[in-house]
Every structure is written in C-alpha cells, then in structure tokens.
Amino acid sequence: MKEMKYTIQDALGIHARPAGMLVKVAGGFKSAVTIDNGVKKADAKRLMAVMSMGVKQGHEVTITVDGEDEDAAMAALETFFKENL
C-alpha cells in the first residue's frame, strides 16, 4: 500500500473538470485508489463520490493506492495532483 498527502492548490478545489480527470487517471489502474479529506473517504474511480467530498483550496487530502500496480498508479497520481490541483 502506498500513501501520499497533498494540499490542494487550485483556487476552486476539486471541482468537476479536475475530478473527471482524476477519475480517468485512477481508472487506468487495477489498484484500489482512495481519497480521504479527513471527514469523508471516496473511491477515486467514482466521479460522484469524489465530487461529493467538497474539497476546497487549502484542504489536505490523503491518497491511498493498494494493489498490484500501486507503484505506477501512485507515480501517475502524484504527477496529476502536482500539475492539476
């Protein structure tokens, strides 16, 4: 299992466009991907679950990846968060 903490930099937080992109990145891997904002946890492969978290700028999220391709998945997600959120 791999885990990463990230503080959201995007002024709008995790809104529709980046949430859709996140789901697409996470869905490209077999590993389970979970995002946790300290209040709610969501499957990062489910758009409505990610959107319902209400993550805003300045919130810290924890991304957890568990499965057979977790190294590649975490690398892709880390890049995604730094470039888009």
Protein backbone atom coordinates (compact mmCIF):
# COMPACT_ATOMS: atom_id res chain seq x y z
CA MET A 1 0.00 0.00 0.00
CA LYS A 2 1.24 3.47 -0.96
CA GLU A 3 0.06 6.72 0.62
CA MET A 4 0.56 10.39 -0.27
CA LYS A 5 -0.65 13.60 1.36
CA TYR A 6 -1.32 16.64 -0.80
CA THR A 7 -2.62 20.14 -0.07
CA ILE A 8 -4.98 21.37 -2.80
CA GLN A 9 -3.62 24.48 -4.55
CA ASP A 10 -6.36 25.02 -7.15
CA ALA A 11 -8.47 28.08 -6.27
CA LEU A 12 -11.68 26.12 -6.96
CA GLY A 13 -10.61 22.92 -5.20
CA ILE A 14 -11.59 19.58 -6.71
CA HIS A 15 -14.41 20.74 -8.99
CA ALA A 16 -15.98 18.97 -11.98
CA ARG A 17 -13.17 19.19 -14.54
CA PRO A 18 -10.25 18.01 -12.37
CA ALA A 19 -12.49 15.46 -10.62
CA GLY A 20 -13.29 13.91 -14.01
CA MET A 21 -9.61 13.89 -14.92
CA LEU A 22 -8.73 12.30 -11.56
CA VAL A 23 -11.30 9.54 -12.07
CA LYS A 24 -9.86 8.88 -15.53
CA VAL A 25 -6.29 8.61 -14.21
CA ALA A 26 -7.31 6.39 -11.27
CA GLY A 27 -9.48 4.22 -13.52
CA GLY A 28 -6.48 3.38 -15.69
CA PHE A 29 -5.06 1.16 -12.95
CA LYS A 30 -6.15 -2.11 -11.36
CA SER A 31 -5.23 -0.94 -7.86
CA ALA A 32 -7.83 0.46 -5.47
CA VAL A 33 -7.45 4.25 -5.17
CA THR A 34 -8.96 6.07 -2.21
CA ILE A 35 -9.02 9.78 -1.44
CA ASP A 36 -9.60 10.95 2.14
CA ASN A 37 -10.08 14.55 3.28
CA GLY A 38 -10.22 13.74 6.99
CA VAL A 39 -14.02 13.87 7.02
CA LYS A 40 -15.00 11.68 4.07
CA LYS A 41 -13.35 8.87 2.13
CA ALA A 42 -14.15 8.17 -1.50
CA ASP A 43 -13.25 5.72 -4.23
CA ALA A 44 -11.22 7.87 -6.64
CA LYS A 45 -12.65 5.88 -9.56
CA ARG A 46 -16.18 7.18 -8.89
CA LEU A 47 -16.87 10.74 -10.08
CA MET A 48 -19.86 11.48 -7.86
CA ALA A 49 -18.03 10.15 -4.79
CA VAL A 50 -15.06 12.46 -5.45
CA MET A 51 -17.31 15.46 -6.17
CA SER A 52 -19.40 14.89 -3.02
CA MET A 53 -16.33 15.34 -0.81
CA GLY A 54 -16.37 19.12 -1.31
CA VAL A 55 -12.58 19.51 -1.24
CA LYS A 56 -11.56 23.19 -1.41
CA GLN A 57 -8.29 25.06 -1.82
CA GLY A 58 -6.02 24.58 1.20
CA HIS A 59 -7.57 21.25 2.24
CA GLU A 60 -5.16 18.38 2.73
CA VAL A 61 -6.13 15.06 1.18
CA THR A 62 -4.60 11.63 1.61
CA ILE A 63 -4.41 9.43 -1.47
CA THR A 64 -4.06 5.70 -0.82
CA VAL A 65 -3.26 3.17 -3.54
CA ASP A 66 -3.37 -0.57 -2.89
CA GLY A 67 -2.93 -3.31 -5.47
CA GLU A 68 -0.70 -4.97 -8.00
CA ASP A 69 0.22 -1.81 -9.95
CA GLU A 70 0.33 0.57 -6.98
CA ASP A 71 3.80 1.96 -7.79
CA ALA A 72 2.82 3.07 -11.29
CA ALA A 73 -0.57 4.31 -10.08
CA MET A 74 0.94 6.41 -7.29
CA ALA A 75 3.51 7.92 -9.67
CA ALA A 76 0.75 8.89 -12.13
CA LEU A 77 -1.48 10.31 -9.38
CA GLU A 78 1.36 12.29 -7.83
CA THR A 79 2.09 13.86 -11.21
CA PHE A 80 -1.62 14.54 -11.77
CA PHE A 81 -2.08 16.30 -8.43
CA LYS A 82 1.01 18.48 -8.86
CA GLU A 83 0.06 19.51 -12.40
CA ASN A 84 -3.71 19.97 -11.94
CA LEU A 85 -4.59 20.58 -8.31
